[in-house]
N, C-alpha and C. Protein backbone atom coordinates (compact mmCIF):
# COMPACT_ATOMS: atom_id res chain seq x y z
N UNK A 1 10.29 -6.20 4.55
CA UNK A 1 10.36 -5.89 3.15
C UNK A 1 11.38 -6.81 2.49
N UNK A 2 11.00 -7.38 1.35
CA UNK A 2 11.96 -8.14 0.56
C UNK A 2 12.16 -7.42 -0.76
N UNK A 3 13.36 -7.55 -1.28
CA UNK A 3 13.70 -6.89 -2.54
C UNK A 3 14.35 -7.90 -3.47
N UNK A 4 14.27 -7.60 -4.76
CA UNK A 4 14.97 -8.38 -5.77
C UNK A 4 15.90 -7.42 -6.49
N UNK A 5 17.17 -7.82 -6.58
CA UNK A 5 18.19 -6.99 -7.21
C UNK A 5 18.54 -7.60 -8.56
N UNK A 6 18.49 -6.77 -9.59
CA UNK A 6 18.86 -7.20 -10.94
C UNK A 6 20.19 -6.58 -11.33
N UNK A 7 21.06 -7.41 -11.86
CA UNK A 7 22.29 -6.96 -12.50
C UNK A 7 22.06 -7.17 -13.98
N UNK A 8 21.83 -6.07 -14.66
CA UNK A 8 21.41 -6.09 -16.06
C UNK A 8 20.12 -6.91 -16.18
N UNK A 9 20.15 -8.05 -16.83
CA UNK A 9 18.92 -8.82 -17.07
C UNK A 9 18.80 -10.06 -16.20
N UNK A 10 19.63 -10.18 -15.17
CA UNK A 10 19.63 -11.36 -14.32
C UNK A 10 19.40 -10.98 -12.85
N UNK A 11 18.81 -11.88 -12.10
CA UNK A 11 18.64 -11.65 -10.66
C UNK A 11 19.99 -11.87 -9.99
N UNK A 12 20.45 -10.84 -9.28
CA UNK A 12 21.69 -10.94 -8.52
C UNK A 12 21.42 -11.48 -7.13
N UNK A 13 20.37 -10.97 -6.50
CA UNK A 13 20.07 -11.36 -5.12
C UNK A 13 18.60 -11.08 -4.83
N UNK A 14 18.08 -11.83 -3.85
CA UNK A 14 16.70 -11.62 -3.42
C UNK A 14 16.64 -11.88 -1.93
N UNK A 15 15.95 -11.00 -1.21
CA UNK A 15 15.81 -11.14 0.24
C UNK A 15 15.58 -9.79 0.88
N UNK A 16 15.88 -9.70 2.17
CA UNK A 16 15.76 -8.43 2.87
C UNK A 16 16.89 -7.52 2.41
N UNK A 17 16.75 -6.21 2.60
CA UNK A 17 17.86 -5.32 2.24
C UNK A 17 19.18 -5.74 2.88
N UNK A 18 19.12 -6.18 4.14
CA UNK A 18 20.34 -6.60 4.83
C UNK A 18 20.98 -7.82 4.16
N UNK A 19 20.16 -8.66 3.56
CA UNK A 19 20.66 -9.86 2.90
C UNK A 19 21.24 -9.58 1.52
N UNK A 20 20.67 -8.62 0.79
CA UNK A 20 21.12 -8.38 -0.58
C UNK A 20 22.26 -7.38 -0.70
N UNK A 21 22.39 -6.49 0.26
CA UNK A 21 23.43 -5.46 0.18
C UNK A 21 24.83 -6.06 0.07
N UNK A 22 25.20 -7.10 0.82
CA UNK A 22 26.55 -7.65 0.65
C UNK A 22 26.83 -8.12 -0.79
N UNK A 23 25.86 -8.72 -1.45
CA UNK A 23 26.05 -9.14 -2.84
C UNK A 23 26.26 -7.93 -3.75
N UNK A 24 25.55 -6.85 -3.46
CA UNK A 24 25.71 -5.64 -4.26
C UNK A 24 27.08 -5.00 -4.02
N UNK A 25 27.51 -5.01 -2.76
CA UNK A 25 28.83 -4.43 -2.43
C UNK A 25 29.97 -5.21 -3.06
N UNK A 26 29.79 -6.51 -3.26
CA UNK A 26 30.88 -7.36 -3.75
C UNK A 26 31.18 -7.16 -5.24
N UNK A 27 30.32 -6.45 -5.94
CA UNK A 27 30.51 -6.24 -7.37
C UNK A 27 31.64 -5.26 -7.65
N UNK A 28 32.27 -5.45 -8.78
CA UNK A 28 33.24 -4.47 -9.27
C UNK A 28 32.46 -3.22 -9.68
N UNK A 29 33.10 -2.05 -9.68
CA UNK A 29 32.38 -0.84 -10.11
C UNK A 29 31.78 -1.04 -11.51
N UNK A 30 30.57 -0.58 -11.68
CA UNK A 30 29.86 -0.76 -12.94
C UNK A 30 30.00 0.49 -13.81
N UNK A 31 30.02 0.28 -15.12
CA UNK A 31 30.12 1.40 -16.05
C UNK A 31 28.86 2.26 -15.98
N UNK A 32 27.71 1.62 -15.78
CA UNK A 32 26.45 2.36 -15.69
C UNK A 32 25.72 1.95 -14.41
N UNK A 33 25.32 2.93 -13.64
CA UNK A 33 24.60 2.62 -12.40
C UNK A 33 23.25 1.98 -12.71
N UNK A 34 22.71 2.22 -13.90
CA UNK A 34 21.42 1.64 -14.26
C UNK A 34 21.51 0.14 -14.52
N UNK A 35 22.72 -0.43 -14.51
CA UNK A 35 22.87 -1.88 -14.66
C UNK A 35 22.52 -2.63 -13.38
N UNK A 36 22.45 -1.94 -12.26
CA UNK A 36 22.16 -2.55 -10.96
C UNK A 36 20.92 -1.88 -10.38
N UNK A 37 19.82 -2.61 -10.36
CA UNK A 37 18.55 -2.05 -9.90
C UNK A 37 17.93 -2.96 -8.85
N UNK A 38 17.36 -2.34 -7.82
CA UNK A 38 16.68 -3.08 -6.75
C UNK A 38 15.21 -2.69 -6.75
N UNK A 39 14.34 -3.70 -6.53
CA UNK A 39 12.90 -3.49 -6.56
C UNK A 39 12.26 -4.09 -5.33
N UNK A 40 11.29 -3.36 -4.77
CA UNK A 40 10.49 -3.86 -3.65
C UNK A 40 9.57 -4.95 -4.19
N UNK A 41 9.60 -6.12 -3.58
CA UNK A 41 8.81 -7.26 -4.07
C UNK A 41 7.32 -7.11 -3.83
N UNK A 42 6.91 -6.22 -2.96
CA UNK A 42 5.49 -6.03 -2.70
C UNK A 42 4.88 -5.01 -3.66
N UNK A 43 5.60 -3.91 -3.89
CA UNK A 43 5.03 -2.80 -4.68
C UNK A 43 5.56 -2.74 -6.10
N UNK A 44 6.68 -3.41 -6.38
CA UNK A 44 7.30 -3.32 -7.69
C UNK A 44 8.08 -2.04 -7.91
N UNK A 45 8.11 -1.18 -6.89
CA UNK A 45 8.83 0.09 -7.03
C UNK A 45 10.33 -0.11 -6.92
N UNK A 46 11.06 0.69 -7.69
CA UNK A 46 12.51 0.68 -7.58
C UNK A 46 12.88 1.31 -6.25
N UNK A 47 13.86 0.73 -5.55
CA UNK A 47 14.29 1.25 -4.26
C UNK A 47 15.79 1.52 -4.29
N UNK A 48 16.20 2.47 -3.50
CA UNK A 48 17.62 2.78 -3.34
C UNK A 48 18.08 2.15 -2.03
N UNK A 49 19.16 1.41 -2.10
CA UNK A 49 19.72 0.78 -0.90
C UNK A 49 21.06 1.43 -0.60
N UNK A 50 21.34 1.65 0.68
CA UNK A 50 22.59 2.27 1.11
C UNK A 50 23.69 1.21 1.08
N UNK A 51 24.65 1.38 0.18
CA UNK A 51 25.71 0.39 0.01
C UNK A 51 26.97 0.75 0.79
N UNK A 52 26.95 1.86 1.50
CA UNK A 52 28.12 2.24 2.29
C UNK A 52 28.30 1.25 3.44
N UNK A 53 29.56 0.98 3.76
CA UNK A 53 29.87 0.03 4.84
C UNK A 53 29.26 0.46 6.17
N UNK A 54 29.33 1.73 6.48
CA UNK A 54 28.77 2.22 7.74
C UNK A 54 27.71 3.27 7.41
N UNK A 55 26.56 2.76 6.93
CA UNK A 55 25.44 3.62 6.55
C UNK A 55 24.92 4.40 7.74
N UNK A 56 24.08 5.38 7.48
CA UNK A 56 23.57 6.23 8.56
C UNK A 56 22.71 5.45 9.55
N UNK A 57 22.76 5.86 10.79
CA UNK A 57 21.92 5.25 11.82
C UNK A 57 20.48 5.70 11.60
N UNK A 58 19.55 4.82 11.87
CA UNK A 58 18.14 5.15 11.73
C UNK A 58 17.72 6.03 12.91
N UNK A 59 17.15 7.20 12.62
CA UNK A 59 16.75 8.08 13.73
C UNK A 59 15.59 7.49 14.52
N UNK A 60 15.56 7.78 15.80
CA UNK A 60 14.45 7.31 16.64
C UNK A 60 13.24 8.16 16.34
N UNK A 61 12.08 7.54 16.39
CA UNK A 61 10.84 8.24 16.09
C UNK A 61 9.94 8.25 17.31
N UNK A 62 8.94 9.13 17.25
CA UNK A 62 7.95 9.17 18.31
C UNK A 62 7.16 7.89 18.31
N UNK A 63 6.53 7.60 19.41
CA UNK A 63 5.70 6.42 19.49
C UNK A 63 6.24 5.45 20.51
N UNK A 64 5.99 4.18 20.31
CA UNK A 64 6.43 3.14 21.24
C UNK A 64 7.47 2.29 20.51
N UNK A 65 8.75 2.75 20.51
CA UNK A 65 9.78 2.09 19.70
C UNK A 65 9.95 0.61 20.00
N UNK A 66 9.78 0.20 21.25
CA UNK A 66 9.97 -1.21 21.58
C UNK A 66 8.96 -2.09 20.85
N UNK A 67 7.80 -1.54 20.55
CA UNK A 67 6.77 -2.30 19.85
C UNK A 67 6.77 -2.02 18.35
N UNK A 68 7.60 -1.09 17.91
CA UNK A 68 7.62 -0.71 16.51
C UNK A 68 6.46 0.19 16.13
N UNK A 69 5.82 0.81 17.11
CA UNK A 69 4.67 1.68 16.86
C UNK A 69 5.16 3.07 16.51
N UNK A 70 4.54 3.66 15.50
CA UNK A 70 4.94 4.99 15.05
C UNK A 70 3.72 5.91 15.11
N UNK A 71 3.89 7.09 15.71
CA UNK A 71 2.78 8.04 15.82
C UNK A 71 2.71 8.91 14.56
N UNK A 72 1.53 8.98 13.98
CA UNK A 72 1.27 9.85 12.84
C UNK A 72 -0.12 10.43 13.02
N UNK A 73 -0.48 11.35 12.15
CA UNK A 73 -1.77 12.01 12.27
C UNK A 73 -2.81 11.34 11.37
N UNK A 74 -4.02 11.19 11.89
CA UNK A 74 -5.15 10.68 11.11
C UNK A 74 -6.26 11.71 11.20
N UNK A 75 -6.85 12.03 10.05
CA UNK A 75 -7.93 13.01 10.02
C UNK A 75 -9.24 12.28 9.72
N UNK A 76 -10.19 12.40 10.64
CA UNK A 76 -11.49 11.74 10.49
C UNK A 76 -12.60 12.73 10.82
N UNK A 77 -13.79 12.43 10.38
CA UNK A 77 -14.96 13.22 10.72
C UNK A 77 -15.35 12.93 12.17
N UNK A 78 -16.07 13.84 12.79
CA UNK A 78 -16.48 13.62 14.19
C UNK A 78 -17.22 12.32 14.41
N UNK A 79 -18.10 11.94 13.50
CA UNK A 79 -18.84 10.68 13.69
C UNK A 79 -17.90 9.48 13.66
N UNK A 80 -16.80 9.56 12.89
CA UNK A 80 -15.82 8.46 12.86
C UNK A 80 -15.11 8.36 14.21
N UNK A 81 -14.72 9.51 14.78
CA UNK A 81 -14.05 9.51 16.08
C UNK A 81 -15.00 8.97 17.15
N UNK A 82 -16.28 9.35 17.07
CA UNK A 82 -17.24 8.86 18.05
C UNK A 82 -17.37 7.34 17.97
N UNK A 83 -17.44 6.81 16.78
CA UNK A 83 -17.53 5.36 16.61
C UNK A 83 -16.28 4.68 17.14
N UNK A 84 -15.11 5.24 16.82
CA UNK A 84 -13.85 4.65 17.29
C UNK A 84 -13.76 4.62 18.81
N UNK A 85 -14.20 5.68 19.47
CA UNK A 85 -14.09 5.72 20.93
C UNK A 85 -15.01 4.71 21.61
N UNK A 86 -16.06 4.28 20.92
CA UNK A 86 -16.97 3.28 21.49
C UNK A 86 -16.44 1.85 21.32
N UNK A 87 -15.40 1.67 20.55
CA UNK A 87 -14.89 0.32 20.27
C UNK A 87 -13.98 -0.16 21.39
N UNK A 88 -13.93 -1.48 21.53
CA UNK A 88 -13.07 -2.13 22.53
C UNK A 88 -11.61 -1.72 22.30
N UNK A 89 -10.96 -1.22 23.32
CA UNK A 89 -9.54 -0.87 23.24
C UNK A 89 -9.27 0.54 22.76
N UNK A 90 -10.29 1.27 22.33
CA UNK A 90 -10.09 2.64 21.89
C UNK A 90 -9.73 2.76 20.42
N UNK A 91 -9.47 3.99 20.01
CA UNK A 91 -9.25 4.31 18.61
C UNK A 91 -8.03 3.61 18.02
N UNK A 92 -6.90 3.69 18.69
CA UNK A 92 -5.67 3.12 18.13
C UNK A 92 -5.78 1.61 17.96
N UNK A 93 -6.28 0.93 18.98
CA UNK A 93 -6.41 -0.52 18.92
C UNK A 93 -7.38 -0.93 17.81
N UNK A 94 -8.47 -0.19 17.67
CA UNK A 94 -9.46 -0.51 16.64
C UNK A 94 -8.88 -0.30 15.25
N UNK A 95 -8.17 0.80 15.06
CA UNK A 95 -7.54 1.04 13.75
C UNK A 95 -6.52 -0.04 13.42
N UNK A 96 -5.73 -0.44 14.41
CA UNK A 96 -4.75 -1.52 14.18
C UNK A 96 -5.45 -2.81 13.78
N UNK A 97 -6.56 -3.15 14.48
CA UNK A 97 -7.32 -4.37 14.13
C UNK A 97 -7.87 -4.30 12.71
N UNK A 98 -8.43 -3.16 12.33
CA UNK A 98 -8.98 -3.01 10.98
C UNK A 98 -7.89 -3.17 9.91
N UNK A 99 -6.74 -2.56 10.16
CA UNK A 99 -5.63 -2.65 9.21
C UNK A 99 -5.13 -4.09 9.13
N UNK A 100 -4.97 -4.75 10.27
CA UNK A 100 -4.49 -6.13 10.27
C UNK A 100 -5.47 -7.06 9.53
N UNK A 101 -6.77 -6.82 9.71
CA UNK A 101 -7.77 -7.62 9.00
C UNK A 101 -7.60 -7.48 7.49
N UNK A 102 -7.38 -6.26 7.04
CA UNK A 102 -7.18 -6.03 5.60
C UNK A 102 -5.87 -6.63 5.12
N UNK A 103 -4.82 -6.52 5.91
CA UNK A 103 -3.53 -7.09 5.52
C UNK A 103 -3.62 -8.61 5.38
N UNK A 104 -4.39 -9.25 6.25
CA UNK A 104 -4.55 -10.70 6.18
C UNK A 104 -5.23 -11.14 4.89
N UNK A 105 -6.07 -10.27 4.35
CA UNK A 105 -6.76 -10.61 3.10
C UNK A 105 -5.78 -10.67 1.93
N UNK A 106 -4.64 -10.02 2.08
CA UNK A 106 -3.65 -10.04 1.00
C UNK A 106 -3.92 -8.95 -0.02
N UNK A 107 -3.03 -8.90 -0.98
CA UNK A 107 -3.15 -7.87 -2.01
C UNK A 107 -4.23 -8.25 -3.01
N UNK A 108 -4.87 -7.23 -3.56
CA UNK A 108 -5.87 -7.45 -4.59
C UNK A 108 -5.18 -7.75 -5.91
N UNK A 109 -5.94 -8.28 -6.86
CA UNK A 109 -5.39 -8.56 -8.19
C UNK A 109 -4.87 -7.26 -8.81
N UNK A 110 -5.58 -6.17 -8.62
CA UNK A 110 -5.16 -4.89 -9.20
C UNK A 110 -3.84 -4.42 -8.58
N UNK A 111 -3.68 -4.58 -7.26
CA UNK A 111 -2.43 -4.20 -6.62
C UNK A 111 -1.26 -5.02 -7.16
N UNK A 112 -1.49 -6.30 -7.41
CA UNK A 112 -0.45 -7.16 -7.98
C UNK A 112 -0.11 -6.74 -9.40
N UNK A 113 -1.13 -6.44 -10.20
CA UNK A 113 -0.89 -5.98 -11.57
C UNK A 113 -0.12 -4.67 -11.57
N UNK A 114 -0.49 -3.76 -10.69
CA UNK A 114 0.21 -2.47 -10.61
C UNK A 114 1.66 -2.66 -10.21
N UNK A 115 1.93 -3.57 -9.28
CA UNK A 115 3.31 -3.84 -8.87
C UNK A 115 4.11 -4.38 -10.05
N UNK A 116 3.53 -5.30 -10.80
CA UNK A 116 4.21 -5.85 -11.98
C UNK A 116 4.46 -4.75 -13.00
N UNK A 117 3.48 -3.89 -13.21
CA UNK A 117 3.64 -2.80 -14.18
C UNK A 117 4.76 -1.86 -13.76
N UNK A 118 4.80 -1.49 -12.47
CA UNK A 118 5.85 -0.58 -12.00
C UNK A 118 7.24 -1.18 -12.25
N UNK A 119 7.40 -2.45 -11.91
CA UNK A 119 8.67 -3.14 -12.13
C UNK A 119 9.01 -3.19 -13.62
N UNK A 120 8.06 -3.68 -14.41
CA UNK A 120 8.33 -3.89 -15.83
C UNK A 120 8.53 -2.59 -16.59
N UNK A 121 7.85 -1.53 -16.20
CA UNK A 121 8.02 -0.28 -16.93
C UNK A 121 9.44 0.26 -16.76
N UNK A 122 10.07 -0.02 -15.61
CA UNK A 122 11.46 0.42 -15.40
C UNK A 122 12.43 -0.46 -16.16
N UNK A 123 12.28 -1.75 -16.03
CA UNK A 123 13.31 -2.68 -16.52
C UNK A 123 13.03 -3.22 -17.92
N UNK A 124 11.76 -3.20 -18.35
CA UNK A 124 11.42 -3.81 -19.64
C UNK A 124 10.68 -2.85 -20.57
N UNK A 125 10.58 -1.60 -20.19
CA UNK A 125 9.81 -0.63 -20.98
C UNK A 125 10.26 -0.49 -22.41
N UNK A 126 11.53 -0.78 -22.70
CA UNK A 126 12.05 -0.67 -24.06
C UNK A 126 12.08 -2.01 -24.80
N UNK A 127 11.63 -3.06 -24.16
CA UNK A 127 11.67 -4.38 -24.80
C UNK A 127 10.52 -4.52 -25.80
N UNK A 128 10.72 -5.39 -26.80
CA UNK A 128 9.67 -5.58 -27.81
C UNK A 128 8.36 -6.05 -27.20
N UNK A 129 7.28 -5.53 -27.72
CA UNK A 129 5.90 -5.92 -27.36
C UNK A 129 5.56 -5.63 -25.91
N UNK A 130 6.27 -4.65 -25.30
CA UNK A 130 6.00 -4.27 -23.91
C UNK A 130 4.54 -3.86 -23.73
N UNK A 131 4.06 -2.95 -24.60
CA UNK A 131 2.69 -2.45 -24.45
C UNK A 131 1.67 -3.58 -24.58
N UNK A 132 1.92 -4.49 -25.52
CA UNK A 132 1.00 -5.62 -25.70
C UNK A 132 0.98 -6.50 -24.44
N UNK A 133 2.16 -6.76 -23.88
CA UNK A 133 2.24 -7.58 -22.67
C UNK A 133 1.51 -6.91 -21.51
N UNK A 134 1.62 -5.56 -21.41
CA UNK A 134 0.94 -4.86 -20.32
C UNK A 134 -0.57 -4.90 -20.49
N UNK A 135 -1.04 -4.81 -21.72
CA UNK A 135 -2.49 -4.93 -21.94
C UNK A 135 -2.99 -6.30 -21.48
N UNK A 136 -2.24 -7.34 -21.78
CA UNK A 136 -2.63 -8.69 -21.37
C UNK A 136 -2.55 -8.85 -19.85
N UNK A 137 -1.54 -8.24 -19.25
CA UNK A 137 -1.40 -8.29 -17.80
C UNK A 137 -2.64 -7.70 -17.13
N UNK A 138 -3.09 -6.53 -17.61
CA UNK A 138 -4.27 -5.89 -17.01
C UNK A 138 -5.58 -6.58 -17.40
N UNK A 139 -5.55 -7.44 -18.41
CA UNK A 139 -6.73 -8.26 -18.71
C UNK A 139 -6.72 -9.53 -17.87
N UNK A 140 -5.67 -9.70 -17.08
CA UNK A 140 -5.47 -10.90 -16.26
C UNK A 140 -5.31 -12.13 -17.14
N UNK A 141 -4.66 -11.94 -18.29
CA UNK A 141 -4.47 -13.00 -19.27
C UNK A 141 -3.02 -13.48 -19.22
N UNK A 142 -2.77 -14.52 -18.47
CA UNK A 142 -1.42 -15.05 -18.31
C UNK A 142 -0.85 -15.55 -19.64
N UNK A 143 -1.68 -16.22 -20.43
CA UNK A 143 -1.22 -16.77 -21.71
C UNK A 143 -0.81 -15.64 -22.65
N UNK A 144 -1.61 -14.60 -22.70
CA UNK A 144 -1.27 -13.45 -23.55
C UNK A 144 0.00 -12.76 -23.09
N UNK A 145 0.14 -12.58 -21.76
CA UNK A 145 1.37 -11.99 -21.22
C UNK A 145 2.57 -12.84 -21.63
N UNK A 146 2.47 -14.14 -21.44
CA UNK A 146 3.58 -15.04 -21.77
C UNK A 146 3.92 -14.97 -23.26
N UNK A 147 2.91 -14.88 -24.09
CA UNK A 147 3.15 -14.83 -25.54
C UNK A 147 3.93 -13.58 -25.92
N UNK A 148 3.51 -12.42 -25.40
CA UNK A 148 4.18 -11.18 -25.78
C UNK A 148 5.53 -11.00 -25.08
N UNK A 149 5.70 -11.58 -23.90
CA UNK A 149 6.96 -11.44 -23.15
C UNK A 149 7.93 -12.60 -23.43
N UNK A 150 7.55 -13.49 -24.32
CA UNK A 150 8.33 -14.71 -24.57
C UNK A 150 9.80 -14.44 -24.90
N UNK A 151 10.09 -13.42 -25.67
CA UNK A 151 11.47 -13.15 -26.10
C UNK A 151 12.25 -12.26 -25.12
N UNK A 152 11.65 -11.89 -24.02
CA UNK A 152 12.34 -11.07 -23.03
C UNK A 152 13.34 -11.94 -22.26
N UNK A 153 14.32 -11.31 -21.59
CA UNK A 153 15.20 -12.11 -20.73
C UNK A 153 14.35 -12.87 -19.70
N UNK A 154 14.62 -14.15 -19.52
CA UNK A 154 13.76 -14.99 -18.65
C UNK A 154 13.59 -14.45 -17.24
N UNK A 155 14.63 -13.92 -16.63
CA UNK A 155 14.52 -13.43 -15.25
C UNK A 155 13.55 -12.26 -15.15
N UNK A 156 13.57 -11.39 -16.15
CA UNK A 156 12.66 -10.24 -16.16
C UNK A 156 11.23 -10.71 -16.39
N UNK A 157 11.04 -11.56 -17.39
CA UNK A 157 9.70 -12.07 -17.71
C UNK A 157 9.10 -12.79 -16.49
N UNK A 158 9.89 -13.66 -15.85
CA UNK A 158 9.38 -14.46 -14.74
C UNK A 158 9.13 -13.62 -13.49
N UNK A 159 9.98 -12.63 -13.23
CA UNK A 159 9.74 -11.78 -12.05
C UNK A 159 8.47 -10.94 -12.26
N UNK A 160 8.29 -10.42 -13.47
CA UNK A 160 7.05 -9.69 -13.76
C UNK A 160 5.84 -10.57 -13.57
N UNK A 161 5.93 -11.80 -14.01
CA UNK A 161 4.83 -12.76 -13.86
C UNK A 161 4.57 -13.05 -12.38
N UNK A 162 5.65 -13.22 -11.60
CA UNK A 162 5.50 -13.53 -10.17
C UNK A 162 4.86 -12.36 -9.42
N UNK A 163 5.18 -11.14 -9.82
CA UNK A 163 4.55 -9.98 -9.18
C UNK A 163 3.07 -9.89 -9.54
N UNK A 164 2.75 -10.16 -10.80
CA UNK A 164 1.36 -10.03 -11.27
C UNK A 164 0.47 -11.14 -10.73
N UNK A 165 1.02 -12.35 -10.66
CA UNK A 165 0.23 -13.52 -10.25
C UNK A 165 0.99 -14.30 -9.18
N UNK A 166 1.08 -13.75 -7.97
CA UNK A 166 1.89 -14.41 -6.93
C UNK A 166 1.39 -15.80 -6.56
N UNK A 167 0.12 -16.05 -6.66
CA UNK A 167 -0.40 -17.39 -6.31
C UNK A 167 0.17 -18.44 -7.26
N UNK A 168 0.37 -18.10 -8.53
CA UNK A 168 0.96 -19.03 -9.49
C UNK A 168 2.38 -19.38 -9.08
N UNK A 169 3.13 -18.38 -8.64
CA UNK A 169 4.53 -18.60 -8.22
C UNK A 169 4.60 -19.48 -7.00
N UNK A 170 3.66 -19.29 -6.06
CA UNK A 170 3.67 -20.09 -4.85
C UNK A 170 3.35 -21.55 -5.16
N UNK A 171 2.45 -21.78 -6.10
CA UNK A 171 2.12 -23.16 -6.51
C UNK A 171 3.31 -23.81 -7.20
N UNK A 172 4.05 -23.04 -8.00
CA UNK A 172 5.20 -23.59 -8.72
C UNK A 172 6.34 -23.92 -7.77
N UNK A 173 6.42 -23.21 -6.63
CA UNK A 173 7.49 -23.44 -5.66
C UNK A 173 7.28 -24.73 -4.87
N UNK A 174 6.11 -25.28 -4.86
CA UNK A 174 5.81 -26.47 -4.03
C UNK A 174 6.34 -27.73 -4.64
């Protein structure tokens, strides 16, 4: 997981939680906790990071910890279980292969738009022309988004754009 941390309207840090927490800890106490916000770069959701020097230990979970495998419950119809048991490697291996195949395809345009919306609704919801920019975002209209978000703080506008259209950001980085 990578996160982007905003201090008011500027990016303070970007990276894994372990990479950004030291930058967050180094700040002087803030008058408002809402001035420091962290967002998951994949989902656009605001996340809480543990800033304590000796944060809680992560509890061990069931499954195969050495492989990072976690046991959870899946509910399927009998015909689904029958199909899974006929597959090479059994049910768990087949489900892992199906999930990995989907993950390789990457996020859909709608998932990217939703991530941008989640981020922007928290940090830019009160900015001028927010609703207009969101309509353009969901129309997949980059020019319209840029026009309505033009007067926003650049870091907010650009991060929203990068979440909505990640391929554009990757091309710009080259």
